[in-house]
Amino acid sequence: MADCIFCKIAAGEMDTELLYEDEDIVAFEDINPRAPTHLLLIPRKHIATLDELQGEDYHLLGDIYRVANQLAEEAGISDNGYQIIANCKEDGGQVIYHIHFHLLGGRKLNWPPGE
């Protein structure tokens, strides 16, 4: 999608430092961090909401969690714990309509997520 900021980041059209990238997934720091470690993991493919996942997309979920675990280990937060959060639509807190997963850690996290 031409106007999607996450599509632009995934395509390398934005000046964003990627902490991880492969053919399907990119990860980068959130510009409004809610924890000492706050990364976003997105698929390169534009999928607006979790409700729009199709059968051929479900492998992305496992891959995103695998990458999140790897990044948590690299960030030194895996031993004490972390949160992986995905928001879906307005009432679920989704602001950018390109599915994305927040990886938060580096401090004691409470419920609701990110607090």
Protein backbone atom coordinates (compact mmCIF):
# COMPACT_ATOMS: atom_id res chain seq x y z
CA MET A 1 0.00 0.00 0.00
CA ALA A 2 1.52 3.26 -1.15
CA ASP A 3 0.45 5.31 1.87
CA CYS A 4 1.24 2.74 4.59
CA ILE A 5 4.19 3.83 6.73
CA PHE A 6 5.03 0.23 7.68
CA CYS A 7 5.06 -0.81 4.00
CA LYS A 8 7.47 2.06 3.35
CA ILE A 9 9.72 0.96 6.22
CA ALA A 10 9.66 -2.66 5.02
CA ALA A 11 10.53 -1.53 1.48
CA GLY A 12 13.49 0.54 2.71
CA GLU A 13 11.86 3.82 1.71
CA MET A 14 12.14 5.33 5.21
CA ASP A 15 15.28 6.15 7.17
CA THR A 16 14.64 3.47 9.78
CA GLU A 17 17.33 1.29 11.32
CA LEU A 18 16.22 -2.30 10.94
CA LEU A 19 17.28 -4.53 13.81
CA TYR A 20 16.20 -7.63 11.90
CA GLU A 21 15.15 -8.36 8.36
CA ASP A 22 14.53 -11.36 6.18
CA GLU A 23 12.36 -11.89 3.12
CA ASP A 24 9.14 -11.85 5.16
CA ILE A 25 9.74 -9.85 8.37
CA VAL A 26 11.41 -6.66 9.55
CA ALA A 27 11.92 -5.38 13.10
CA PHE A 28 12.79 -1.91 14.36
CA GLU A 29 12.52 0.26 17.47
CA ASP A 30 9.17 1.85 18.28
CA ILE A 31 9.32 5.65 18.00
CA ASN A 32 7.22 5.98 21.18
CA PRO A 33 8.76 3.35 23.50
CA ARG A 34 6.75 2.16 26.50
CA ALA A 35 9.60 0.10 27.98
CA PRO A 36 13.42 0.12 27.81
CA THR A 37 13.11 -2.42 25.00
CA HIS A 38 10.18 -1.72 22.67
CA LEU A 39 10.51 -3.17 19.20
CA LEU A 40 7.99 -3.58 16.40
CA LEU A 41 7.93 -6.68 14.23
CA ILE A 42 6.01 -6.49 10.97
CA PRO A 43 5.50 -8.66 7.94
CA ARG A 44 6.70 -7.14 4.68
CA LYS A 45 3.35 -8.13 3.16
CA HIS A 46 0.61 -5.59 3.82
CA ILE A 47 -2.09 -7.17 5.96
CA ALA A 48 -4.24 -4.46 7.53
CA THR A 49 -5.60 -6.33 10.59
CA LEU A 50 -5.28 -9.72 12.22
CA ASP A 51 -8.79 -10.46 10.92
CA GLU A 52 -7.44 -10.28 7.37
CA LEU A 53 -4.91 -13.08 7.77
CA GLN A 54 -5.42 -15.78 5.15
CA GLY A 55 -4.30 -19.41 5.18
CA GLU A 56 -1.08 -18.62 3.32
CA ASP A 57 -0.26 -15.94 5.94
CA TYR A 58 -0.44 -18.04 9.10
CA HIS A 59 3.21 -19.13 8.83
CA LEU A 60 4.10 -15.47 9.46
CA LEU A 61 2.78 -15.69 13.01
CA GLY A 62 5.16 -18.47 13.97
CA ASP A 63 8.03 -16.73 12.21
CA ILE A 64 7.29 -13.44 13.98
CA TYR A 65 7.31 -15.17 17.38
CA ARG A 66 10.57 -16.94 16.49
CA VAL A 67 12.17 -13.60 15.57
CA ALA A 68 10.73 -11.96 18.70
CA ASN A 69 12.32 -14.66 20.86
CA GLN A 70 15.64 -14.14 19.07
CA LEU A 71 15.48 -10.35 19.52
CA ALA A 72 14.52 -10.72 23.20
CA GLU A 73 17.58 -12.91 23.70
CA GLU A 74 19.81 -10.40 21.90
CA ALA A 75 18.36 -7.52 23.95
CA GLY A 76 19.06 -9.40 27.19
CA ILE A 77 15.41 -9.50 28.28
CA SER A 78 14.61 -13.16 27.76
CA ASP A 79 15.73 -14.32 31.21
CA ASN A 80 13.45 -11.94 33.13
CA GLY A 81 10.56 -11.97 30.67
CA TYR A 82 8.83 -9.81 28.11
CA GLN A 83 5.51 -9.18 26.39
CA ILE A 84 4.53 -9.65 22.76
CA ILE A 85 1.39 -7.72 21.93
CA ALA A 86 -0.71 -7.36 18.79
CA ASN A 87 -3.60 -4.91 18.63
CA CYS A 88 -6.56 -5.41 16.31
CA LYS A 89 -8.72 -2.53 15.10
CA GLU A 90 -9.74 0.65 16.89
CA ASP A 91 -11.16 -0.79 20.11
CA GLY A 92 -8.15 -3.11 20.33
CA GLY A 93 -5.78 -0.15 20.21
CA GLN A 94 -4.57 -0.54 16.62
CA VAL A 95 -3.39 2.80 15.21
CA ILE A 96 -1.51 1.76 12.07
CA TYR A 97 -3.46 -0.61 9.89
CA HIS A 98 -0.64 -2.99 8.99
CA ILE A 99 -0.38 -5.88 11.43
CA HIS A 100 2.48 -5.47 13.84
CA PHE A 101 3.70 -7.01 17.05
CA HIS A 102 5.15 -5.08 19.98
CA LEU A 103 8.05 -6.68 21.85
CA LEU A 104 8.34 -5.00 25.27
CA GLY A 105 10.76 -5.72 28.08
CA GLY A 106 13.60 -4.47 30.22
CA ARG A 107 11.45 -3.65 33.25
CA LYS A 108 8.63 -5.19 35.26
CA LEU A 109 5.56 -5.15 33.00
CA ASN A 110 2.03 -5.28 34.32
CA TRP A 111 -1.41 -5.89 32.96
CA PRO A 112 -2.86 -4.30 30.87
CA PRO A 113 0.00 -4.84 28.42
CA GLY A 114 2.72 -2.23 28.25
CA GLU A 115 1.97 -0.67 31.63
